Amino acid sequence: MRKSIYIATVCILLFGCTKDKWFDAKQTLVQTVPQTVADFQAILDNVVMDYAAPYLPEIASDDHYVTDAVFNTLPANEKNAYTWTHDLPYTTVIDWTTSLSITGGTYARVYLCNLTLDGLKTAKGAGTADYNNVKGQALFYRAFNYHSILQEYAPVYDSAKAATQLGVPLRLESDLNVSVNRSTVKESYDRVLADLSEAISLLPVTPAYKTRPSKAAGYALMARLYLNVSDYADAGKYADSCLAVYPGLLNFNTLNLTATYPIPNYSDDVIFQNILNPGSGIISFNAKIDTALYNRYDANDLRKVVYFTLQADKSVNVRGSHFSNAPFNGLTAEEMLLIRAECRARQGQTAAAMADINTLLRSRYKTGTYVDQAAATADDALTTVLLERRKELVLSGQRWSDLRRFAREGRFAKTLTRTVAGKTYTLEPGSFKYVFPIPDDAIKLAPQLQQNPGW
């Protein structure tokens, strides 16, 4: 349900130095200059806005592995991410790049948001439902993109350090001549929260298409953000607000298990459609699922066959997700149930947390086979919730953020190890490697950007 974009090719320098150093290639505009609300809706309706979200953190996570043969075929950036190293050149990083294309460009998407927001200032129709909707979409997309790269290029949020630690560069206008430095972590998160708050006030409750954000999506992203900063009171509140307006939950018993990809695209539980960049396929068709994780799924758990395929050699391949076999990163009702359940458990609401888990699992197990679970304590409930969160959201782009916050709180911290060609790599809780290096070419292009510590 996409329209053509007004900007066919955008090669942009987002952190610029001087006017004569924009980039090696000039900005090329085609068709007409966008002027109307409909023009700006067409810009936001381009597929790049919900395709190819940052994916390197998922490669660095622990739910999957690849064989040495597959590893040898990976591009340098993926090899670095998989081994938690910077041994190879780290350039043209899709998660960061300013180049607008079907394969990525986080800062290019931010540019399109800013182009829309700046253009709407003089567009006719201010205050109308369509105008507010488009403005809300642009704010949501900008928040979504900044939140995504904060999980990758900035340390996990710590209120005692956030005002001094480096966040990400915040570009808030479409003028490419303005030089931008890295903001602090606090400034970065404050911007995301401000954008999301305004977006929620402007967006409709439900969208015309699931590729567009909505008020429900705004609540859902707020819940995801607050969870990632360990603010469990607000995370639970926004998850509850989302479920109040979008309670849809897909029952896996209704799926056609013989289909190539059992979950239909844009299924009832999807609040907002978005996928991670498929990259070389390392987190889709090339991924092998961690065997220990696979064995945690009960025989009657339909996720075991909907998500995975057991191979003759007993290895486990990815079968599909909410968007064919692409790594889905969108917002769903089940994620909101899991966030609310975790927050309830952390706040001592044991029965309420387990009620959410039982609601989810009844829709995941073969009809008549699931028996509701109870927990003796809130800690027991939390352990159950976190296991189900990992099983439900596998390869969805959430595991890296979970590992980061678990490492900070200690209780569920985990040391990760991988062996490639006989060499073992380790990622310990609290390691500087939980923050990715700023791409080499980004720093070369804009020397005022500081590299992350340790790299």
Protein backbone atom coordinates (compact mmCIF):
# COMPACT_ATOMS: atom_id res chain seq x y z
CA MET A 1 0.00 0.00 0.00
CA ARG A 2 2.83 2.34 -0.88
CA LYS A 3 3.02 5.41 -3.08
CA SER A 4 6.05 6.63 -4.99
CA ILE A 5 8.36 8.94 -3.13
CA TYR A 6 9.18 12.43 -4.30
CA ILE A 7 12.85 12.03 -3.55
CA ALA A 8 14.26 9.29 -5.72
CA THR A 9 17.86 9.61 -4.61
CA VAL A 10 19.13 11.37 -1.55
CA CYS A 11 22.82 11.46 -0.81
CA ILE A 12 23.12 13.62 2.24
CA LEU A 13 25.70 14.73 4.74
CA LEU A 14 23.88 14.83 8.04
CA PHE A 15 26.57 16.14 10.30
CA GLY A 16 28.25 18.48 7.81
CA CYS A 17 31.28 20.64 8.19
CA THR A 18 30.95 23.38 5.59
CA LYS A 19 28.77 24.05 2.56
CA ASP A 20 31.37 22.75 0.12
CA LYS A 21 31.66 19.40 1.91
CA TRP A 22 28.19 18.05 1.56
CA PHE A 23 29.12 14.69 0.16
CA ASP A 24 30.84 13.14 -2.82
CA ALA A 25 27.52 13.17 -4.65
CA LYS A 26 25.03 16.03 -4.70
CA GLN A 27 21.46 15.76 -3.56
CA THR A 28 19.20 14.88 -6.49
CA LEU A 29 15.54 15.77 -6.43
CA VAL A 30 13.09 14.49 -8.99
CA GLN A 31 9.46 15.17 -9.83
CA THR A 32 8.01 18.14 -7.97
CA VAL A 33 9.06 19.75 -4.72
CA PRO A 34 6.64 18.49 -2.02
CA GLN A 35 4.23 21.21 -0.91
CA THR A 36 0.90 19.70 0.13
CA VAL A 37 -0.15 17.39 2.94
CA ALA A 38 -0.70 14.70 0.31
CA ASP A 39 2.86 15.22 -0.96
CA PHE A 40 4.30 14.67 2.49
CA GLN A 41 2.09 11.65 3.07
CA ALA A 42 3.57 10.20 -0.12
CA ILE A 43 7.08 10.72 1.26
CA LEU A 44 6.21 8.88 4.48
CA ASP A 45 4.44 6.14 2.55
CA ASN A 46 7.68 5.05 0.91
CA VAL A 47 8.69 1.51 1.79
CA VAL A 48 12.03 2.65 3.26
CA MET A 49 10.18 4.01 6.28
CA ASP A 50 9.25 0.59 7.65
CA TYR A 51 11.80 -1.63 5.93
CA ALA A 52 15.41 -2.29 6.93
CA ALA A 53 15.50 -1.12 10.55
CA PRO A 54 18.90 -1.46 12.32
CA TYR A 55 19.84 -5.14 12.44
CA LEU A 56 23.42 -5.48 13.68
CA PRO A 57 22.39 -5.73 17.37
CA GLU A 58 20.25 -8.76 16.53
CA ILE A 59 23.26 -10.35 14.82
CA ALA A 60 25.22 -9.75 18.03
CA SER A 61 22.54 -11.42 20.17
CA ASP A 62 22.47 -14.98 21.44
CA ASP A 63 19.36 -16.64 19.98
CA HIS A 64 21.13 -17.90 16.87
CA TYR A 65 24.43 -18.94 15.32
CA VAL A 66 25.87 -19.56 11.87
CA THR A 67 28.23 -22.22 10.60
CA ASP A 68 31.84 -21.34 9.78
CA ALA A 69 31.02 -21.75 6.10
CA VAL A 70 28.25 -19.16 6.31
CA PHE A 71 30.37 -16.86 8.48
CA ASN A 72 33.05 -16.77 5.79
CA THR A 73 30.50 -15.37 3.32
CA LEU A 74 29.33 -12.53 5.58
CA PRO A 75 30.20 -8.90 4.84
CA ALA A 76 32.70 -7.24 7.17
CA ASN A 77 30.12 -5.34 9.25
CA GLU A 78 28.20 -8.53 10.01
CA LYS A 79 31.39 -10.42 10.90
CA ASN A 80 32.30 -7.65 13.34
CA ALA A 81 28.84 -7.70 14.92
CA TYR A 82 28.70 -11.49 15.19
CA THR A 83 32.08 -11.67 16.98
CA TRP A 84 31.74 -8.42 18.97
CA THR A 85 34.90 -7.05 17.40
CA HIS A 86 36.15 -4.22 15.23
CA ASP A 87 38.77 -6.36 13.49
CA LEU A 88 37.53 -5.50 10.00
CA PRO A 89 36.73 -2.11 8.40
CA TYR A 90 33.45 -0.79 9.75
CA THR A 91 32.10 1.36 6.92
CA THR A 92 28.91 1.96 4.93
CA VAL A 93 26.95 0.66 7.90
CA ILE A 94 23.33 0.26 6.89
CA ASP A 95 22.13 0.82 10.45
CA TRP A 96 23.62 4.32 10.38
CA THR A 97 24.14 5.34 6.78
CA THR A 98 22.90 8.58 5.29
CA SER A 99 22.23 6.95 1.93
CA LEU A 100 18.55 6.47 1.18
CA SER A 101 17.83 3.12 -0.42
CA ILE A 102 15.68 0.04 -0.01
CA THR A 103 18.42 -1.54 2.08
CA GLY A 104 18.54 0.97 4.88
CA GLY A 105 19.66 4.39 5.95
CA THR A 106 18.54 5.34 9.47
CA TYR A 107 19.69 8.92 9.15
CA ALA A 108 18.22 9.16 5.66
CA ARG A 109 14.84 8.20 7.14
CA VAL A 110 15.34 10.85 9.81
CA TYR A 111 16.00 13.33 7.00
CA LEU A 112 12.68 12.46 5.38
CA CYS A 113 10.94 13.00 8.71
CA ASN A 114 12.57 16.39 9.07
CA LEU A 115 11.78 17.29 5.47
CA THR A 116 8.14 16.51 6.19
CA LEU A 117 8.01 18.38 9.49
CA ASP A 118 9.70 21.46 8.00
CA GLY A 119 7.50 21.37 4.91
CA LEU A 120 4.29 21.09 6.92
CA LYS A 121 5.06 24.44 8.54
CA THR A 122 4.03 26.18 5.34
CA ALA A 123 1.66 23.57 3.87
CA LYS A 124 -2.04 24.30 3.69
CA GLY A 125 -4.46 22.44 5.93
CA ALA A 126 -2.90 23.03 9.33
CA GLY A 127 -5.12 21.62 12.07
CA THR A 128 -7.05 19.25 9.81
CA ALA A 129 -7.16 15.54 10.58
CA ASP A 130 -4.97 14.70 7.58
CA TYR A 131 -2.41 17.35 8.50
CA ASN A 132 -2.23 16.17 12.11
CA ASN A 133 -1.97 12.57 10.99
CA VAL A 134 0.99 13.23 8.68
CA LYS A 135 2.76 15.34 11.29
CA GLY A 136 2.18 12.63 13.89
CA GLN A 137 3.56 9.99 11.53
CA ALA A 138 6.74 11.99 10.90
CA LEU A 139 7.28 12.47 14.64
CA PHE A 140 6.67 8.78 15.31
CA TYR A 141 9.09 7.65 12.59
CA ARG A 142 11.78 10.00 13.85
CA ALA A 143 11.30 8.68 17.39
CA PHE A 144 11.32 5.08 16.17
CA ASN A 145 14.59 5.54 14.30
CA TYR A 146 16.36 7.42 17.07
CA HIS A 147 15.21 4.89 19.65
CA SER A 148 16.55 2.07 17.45
CA ILE A 149 20.04 3.47 17.07
CA LEU A 150 20.20 4.44 20.74
CA GLN A 151 20.07 0.70 21.47
CA GLU A 152 23.09 0.28 19.23
CA TYR A 153 25.33 3.34 19.55
CA ALA A 154 24.65 4.65 23.06
CA PRO A 155 25.04 3.04 26.49
CA VAL A 156 22.01 1.63 28.26
CA TYR A 157 20.12 4.39 30.07
CA ASP A 158 21.37 5.14 33.58
CA SER A 159 19.79 8.20 35.19
CA ALA A 160 22.97 8.83 37.20
CA LYS A 161 25.10 9.06 34.04
CA ALA A 162 22.71 9.95 31.23
CA ALA A 163 23.42 13.68 31.37
CA THR A 164 27.12 13.16 30.64
CA GLN A 165 27.32 10.01 28.51
CA LEU A 166 27.30 10.30 24.72
CA GLY A 167 24.08 9.52 22.93
CA VAL A 168 23.52 9.93 19.19
CA PRO A 169 23.61 12.97 16.91
CA LEU A 170 20.16 14.53 16.84
CA ARG A 171 19.30 16.11 13.53
CA LEU A 172 15.99 17.94 13.93
CA GLU A 173 15.82 19.96 10.72
CA SER A 174 16.20 19.30 7.02
CA ASP A 175 18.87 21.96 6.45
CA LEU A 176 21.91 19.86 5.60
CA ASN A 177 24.38 22.68 6.17
CA VAL A 178 23.90 22.64 9.95
CA SER A 179 26.66 20.79 11.78
CA VAL A 180 25.48 18.41 14.51
CA ASN A 181 27.47 16.88 17.36
CA ARG A 182 26.55 13.91 19.51
CA SER A 183 23.90 14.72 22.08
CA THR A 184 23.98 13.21 25.56
CA VAL A 185 22.05 10.07 26.35
CA LYS A 186 19.55 12.12 28.34
CA GLU A 187 19.05 14.63 25.54
CA SER A 188 18.60 11.79 23.06
CA TYR A 189 15.95 10.00 25.09
CA ASP A 190 14.22 13.26 25.97
CA ARG A 191 13.88 13.97 22.26
CA VAL A 192 12.40 10.56 21.54
CA LEU A 193 9.93 10.96 24.38
CA ALA A 194 8.96 14.46 23.24
CA ASP A 195 8.41 13.30 19.66
CA LEU A 196 6.38 10.32 20.76
CA SER A 197 4.24 12.32 23.16
CA GLU A 198 3.34 14.80 20.43
CA ALA A 199 2.80 12.02 17.92
CA ILE A 200 0.32 10.26 20.20
CA SER A 201 -1.69 13.47 20.52
CA LEU A 202 -1.93 13.79 16.73
CA LEU A 203 -2.32 10.25 15.38
CA PRO A 204 -5.59 8.36 14.88
CA VAL A 205 -6.29 5.40 17.16
CA THR A 206 -5.88 2.96 14.28
CA PRO A 207 -4.20 3.60 10.90
CA ALA A 208 -5.49 3.23 7.37
CA TYR A 209 -2.67 0.71 6.82
CA LYS A 210 -0.46 -1.11 9.31
CA THR A 211 2.58 0.33 7.57
CA ARG A 212 1.56 3.69 9.03
CA PRO A 213 1.88 4.50 12.72
CA SER A 214 -1.14 5.14 14.92
CA LYS A 215 -1.97 6.20 18.46
CA ALA A 216 -1.84 2.52 19.46
CA ALA A 217 1.64 2.27 17.90
CA GLY A 218 2.70 5.37 19.82
CA TYR A 219 1.63 3.79 23.11
CA ALA A 220 3.41 0.56 22.11
CA LEU A 221 6.68 2.30 21.28
CA MET A 222 6.48 4.22 24.55
CA ALA A 223 6.10 0.91 26.38
CA ARG A 224 9.10 -0.58 24.53
CA LEU A 225 11.22 2.51 25.25
CA TYR A 226 10.38 2.66 28.96
CA LEU A 227 11.09 -1.07 29.28
CA ASN A 228 14.52 -0.54 27.72
CA VAL A 229 15.36 2.18 30.25
CA SER A 230 14.06 -0.04 33.10
CA ASP A 231 11.20 2.31 33.98
CA TYR A 232 8.76 -0.49 34.68
CA ALA A 233 5.95 1.65 36.04
CA ASP A 234 5.66 3.70 32.85
CA ALA A 235 6.35 0.73 30.58
CA GLY A 236 3.44 -1.13 32.12
CA LYS A 237 1.21 1.93 31.94
CA TYR A 238 1.78 2.44 28.23
CA ALA A 239 1.46 -1.27 27.43
CA ASP A 240 -1.88 -1.20 29.21
CA SER A 241 -2.94 1.93 27.27
CA CYS A 242 -2.03 0.20 24.02
CA LEU A 243 -3.93 -2.98 24.85
CA ALA A 244 -6.96 -0.91 25.84
CA VAL A 245 -7.26 0.38 22.26
CA TYR A 246 -5.69 -2.57 20.43
CA PRO A 247 -6.32 -5.88 22.23
CA GLY A 248 -5.99 -8.11 19.14
CA LEU A 249 -4.08 -11.34 19.73
CA LEU A 250 -3.43 -13.89 16.99
CA ASN A 251 -4.43 -17.46 17.90
CA PHE A 252 -1.89 -19.83 16.37
CA ASN A 253 -4.56 -22.55 16.22
CA THR A 254 -6.16 -20.61 13.37
CA LEU A 255 -3.01 -20.72 11.22
CA ASN A 256 -2.42 -22.94 8.23
CA LEU A 257 0.59 -24.88 9.46
CA THR A 258 1.22 -26.37 6.02
CA ALA A 259 1.75 -22.93 4.45
CA THR A 260 5.30 -21.89 3.66
CA TYR A 261 4.93 -19.03 6.12
CA PRO A 262 2.03 -19.78 8.50
CA ILE A 263 1.60 -16.26 9.91
CA PRO A 264 -0.11 -14.02 7.33
CA ASN A 265 1.43 -10.63 6.67
CA TYR A 266 -0.26 -7.78 8.56
CA SER A 267 -1.98 -10.26 10.88
CA ASP A 268 -4.53 -9.17 13.48
CA ASP A 269 -1.97 -8.81 16.27
CA VAL A 270 0.28 -6.43 14.32
CA ILE A 271 -0.03 -2.84 15.53
CA PHE A 272 2.76 -1.42 13.39
CA GLN A 273 4.57 -3.16 10.54
CA ASN A 274 8.35 -2.94 10.50
CA ILE A 275 11.17 -5.33 9.67
CA LEU A 276 14.87 -5.42 10.37
CA ASN A 277 17.25 -5.12 7.48
CA PRO A 278 17.62 -8.71 6.18
CA GLY A 279 21.28 -8.05 5.40
CA SER A 280 22.96 -11.21 4.12
CA GLY A 281 20.23 -13.36 5.66
CA ILE A 282 22.15 -14.10 8.85
CA ILE A 283 19.04 -13.50 10.97
CA SER A 284 16.56 -15.04 8.55
CA PHE A 285 17.25 -17.93 6.23
CA ASN A 286 20.94 -18.36 7.19
CA ALA A 287 20.34 -18.42 10.93
CA LYS A 288 20.57 -21.57 13.02
CA ILE A 289 18.57 -21.28 16.23
CA ASP A 290 20.29 -21.95 19.52
CA THR A 291 19.47 -25.59 20.31
CA ALA A 292 19.05 -24.97 24.03
CA LEU A 293 16.48 -22.27 23.28
CA TYR A 294 14.63 -24.50 20.80
CA ASN A 295 14.39 -27.25 23.42
CA ARG A 296 12.61 -24.87 25.81
CA TYR A 297 9.50 -24.96 23.59
CA ASP A 298 6.99 -27.58 24.69
CA ALA A 299 5.93 -30.24 22.15
CA ASN A 300 2.40 -28.74 22.11
CA ASP A 301 3.67 -25.20 21.66
CA LEU A 302 2.76 -24.22 18.09
CA ARG A 303 5.55 -21.66 18.00
CA LYS A 304 7.94 -24.57 17.68
CA VAL A 305 6.62 -25.33 14.19
CA VAL A 306 5.43 -21.84 13.19
CA TYR A 307 8.79 -20.21 13.85
CA PHE A 308 11.25 -23.03 13.15
CA THR A 309 12.07 -26.06 11.02
CA LEU A 310 14.00 -28.99 12.49
CA GLN A 311 16.61 -30.27 10.05
CA ALA A 312 17.80 -33.85 9.50
CA ASP A 313 21.07 -33.07 11.30
CA LYS A 314 19.03 -31.82 14.30
CA SER A 315 19.96 -28.19 13.67
CA VAL A 316 17.10 -25.69 13.65
CA ASN A 317 16.38 -23.24 10.85
CA VAL A 318 14.16 -20.18 10.93
CA ARG A 319 10.86 -20.86 9.17
CA GLY A 320 9.14 -17.50 9.29
CA SER A 321 7.79 -14.65 11.33
CA HIS A 322 5.12 -11.97 11.00
CA PHE A 323 6.38 -11.01 7.56
CA SER A 324 7.28 -14.12 5.60
CA ASN A 325 10.86 -15.05 6.56
CA ALA A 326 12.00 -11.46 7.03
CA PRO A 327 13.04 -10.57 10.62
CA PHE A 328 9.95 -8.76 11.95
CA ASN A 329 10.65 -5.80 14.21
CA GLY A 330 7.21 -4.24 14.39
CA LEU A 331 4.92 -3.68 17.34
CA THR A 332 2.39 -6.34 18.32
CA ALA A 333 -0.26 -7.02 20.93
CA GLU A 334 1.71 -9.99 22.27
CA GLU A 335 4.76 -7.81 22.91
CA MET A 336 2.52 -5.48 24.90
CA LEU A 337 1.15 -8.41 26.92
CA LEU A 338 4.70 -9.49 27.70
CA ILE A 339 5.78 -5.98 28.68
CA ARG A 340 2.77 -5.58 30.95
CA ALA A 341 3.37 -9.02 32.46
CA GLU A 342 7.02 -8.23 33.18
CA CYS A 343 6.17 -4.90 34.75
CA ARG A 344 3.46 -6.48 36.89
CA ALA A 345 5.89 -9.17 38.09
CA ARG A 346 8.56 -6.59 38.89
CA GLN A 347 5.99 -4.63 40.89
CA GLY A 348 4.92 -7.68 42.92
CA GLN A 349 1.66 -8.29 41.06
CA THR A 350 2.19 -12.04 40.73
CA ALA A 351 -1.32 -13.16 39.81
CA ALA A 352 -1.81 -10.36 37.28
CA ALA A 353 1.53 -11.13 35.62
CA MET A 354 0.65 -14.80 35.26
CA ALA A 355 -2.81 -13.92 33.95
CA ASP A 356 -1.14 -12.10 31.04
CA ILE A 357 1.19 -15.05 30.39
CA ASN A 358 -1.69 -17.50 30.44
CA THR A 359 -3.65 -15.34 28.00
CA LEU A 360 -0.71 -15.40 25.61
CA LEU A 361 0.09 -19.10 25.91
CA ARG A 362 -3.51 -20.23 25.45
CA SER A 363 -3.23 -18.70 21.98
CA ARG A 364 0.10 -20.43 21.31
CA TYR A 365 -0.51 -24.03 22.41
CA LYS A 366 -2.58 -26.62 20.58
CA THR A 367 -6.19 -26.26 21.63
CA GLY A 368 -6.95 -28.22 24.78
CA THR A 369 -3.33 -28.88 25.73
CA TYR A 370 -2.39 -25.81 27.73
CA VAL A 371 -2.90 -25.73 31.48
CA ASP A 372 -2.82 -22.33 33.14
CA GLN A 373 0.29 -21.72 35.18
CA ALA A 374 0.61 -20.15 38.63
CA ALA A 375 3.64 -18.71 40.36
CA ALA A 376 4.42 -18.90 44.06
CA THR A 377 6.25 -15.57 44.12
CA ALA A 378 6.73 -12.48 41.99
CA ASP A 379 10.30 -13.62 41.28
CA ASP A 380 9.00 -16.93 39.97
CA ALA A 381 6.54 -15.06 37.79
CA LEU A 382 9.29 -12.81 36.46
CA THR A 383 11.46 -15.80 35.53
CA THR A 384 8.53 -17.30 33.62
CA VAL A 385 7.73 -14.02 31.89
CA LEU A 386 11.30 -13.45 30.72
CA LEU A 387 11.55 -16.97 29.31
CA GLU A 388 8.30 -16.52 27.39
CA ARG A 389 9.44 -13.10 26.21
CA ARG A 390 12.56 -14.66 24.70
CA LYS A 391 10.58 -17.49 23.10
CA GLU A 392 7.86 -15.25 21.69
CA LEU A 393 10.04 -12.41 20.38
CA VAL A 394 12.87 -14.51 18.98
CA LEU A 395 14.89 -12.69 16.26
CA SER A 396 12.60 -9.66 16.50
CA GLY A 397 15.29 -7.13 17.38
CA GLN A 398 14.46 -7.01 21.11
CA ARG A 399 16.98 -9.43 22.57
CA TRP A 400 19.98 -7.05 22.45
CA SER A 401 18.15 -4.40 24.47
CA ASP A 402 17.10 -7.08 26.96
CA LEU A 403 20.67 -8.31 27.36
CA ARG A 404 21.84 -4.72 27.92
CA ARG A 405 19.34 -3.98 30.67
CA PHE A 406 19.82 -7.42 32.30
CA ALA A 407 23.58 -6.82 32.36
CA ARG A 408 23.05 -3.53 34.15
CA GLU A 409 20.75 -4.93 36.84
CA GLY A 410 22.83 -8.08 37.33
CA ARG A 411 20.12 -10.58 38.23
CA PHE A 412 19.64 -11.99 34.73
CA ALA A 413 23.05 -11.03 33.34
CA LYS A 414 24.59 -13.52 30.93
CA THR A 415 28.03 -14.05 29.42
CA LEU A 416 27.83 -14.79 25.69
CA THR A 417 30.35 -16.94 23.83
CA ARG A 418 30.81 -17.90 20.19
CA THR A 419 33.40 -20.02 18.41
CA VAL A 420 34.37 -19.26 14.83
CA ALA A 421 37.05 -21.31 13.06
CA GLY A 422 38.27 -22.61 16.38
CA LYS A 423 38.58 -19.16 17.99
CA THR A 424 36.30 -18.31 20.92
CA TYR A 425 34.82 -14.84 21.34
CA THR A 426 33.23 -13.63 24.58
CA LEU A 427 30.86 -10.83 25.49
CA GLU A 428 30.68 -10.25 29.23
CA PRO A 429 27.98 -8.31 31.10
CA GLY A 430 28.87 -4.63 31.29
CA SER A 431 31.39 -4.83 28.45
CA PHE A 432 31.97 -1.67 26.39
CA LYS A 433 31.09 -3.88 23.42
CA TYR A 434 27.41 -3.57 24.31
CA VAL A 435 27.74 -0.20 22.58
CA PHE A 436 28.66 -0.46 18.91
CA PRO A 437 31.44 1.71 17.45
CA ILE A 438 30.40 4.75 15.46
CA PRO A 439 31.12 3.81 11.81
CA ASP A 440 34.64 4.65 10.65
CA ASP A 441 33.49 6.58 7.60
CA ALA A 442 30.99 8.63 9.65
CA ILE A 443 33.79 9.86 11.90
CA LYS A 444 36.07 10.49 8.94
CA LEU A 445 33.35 12.55 7.32
CA ALA A 446 32.47 14.43 10.51
CA PRO A 447 35.52 14.49 12.83
CA GLN A 448 33.56 16.24 15.58
CA LEU A 449 31.78 12.96 16.32
CA GLN A 450 33.49 11.17 19.20
CA GLN A 451 34.08 7.43 19.01
CA ASN A 452 32.51 5.27 21.70
CA PRO A 453 34.88 4.29 24.54
CA GLY A 454 36.87 1.11 24.05
CA TRP A 455 36.76 1.08 20.26
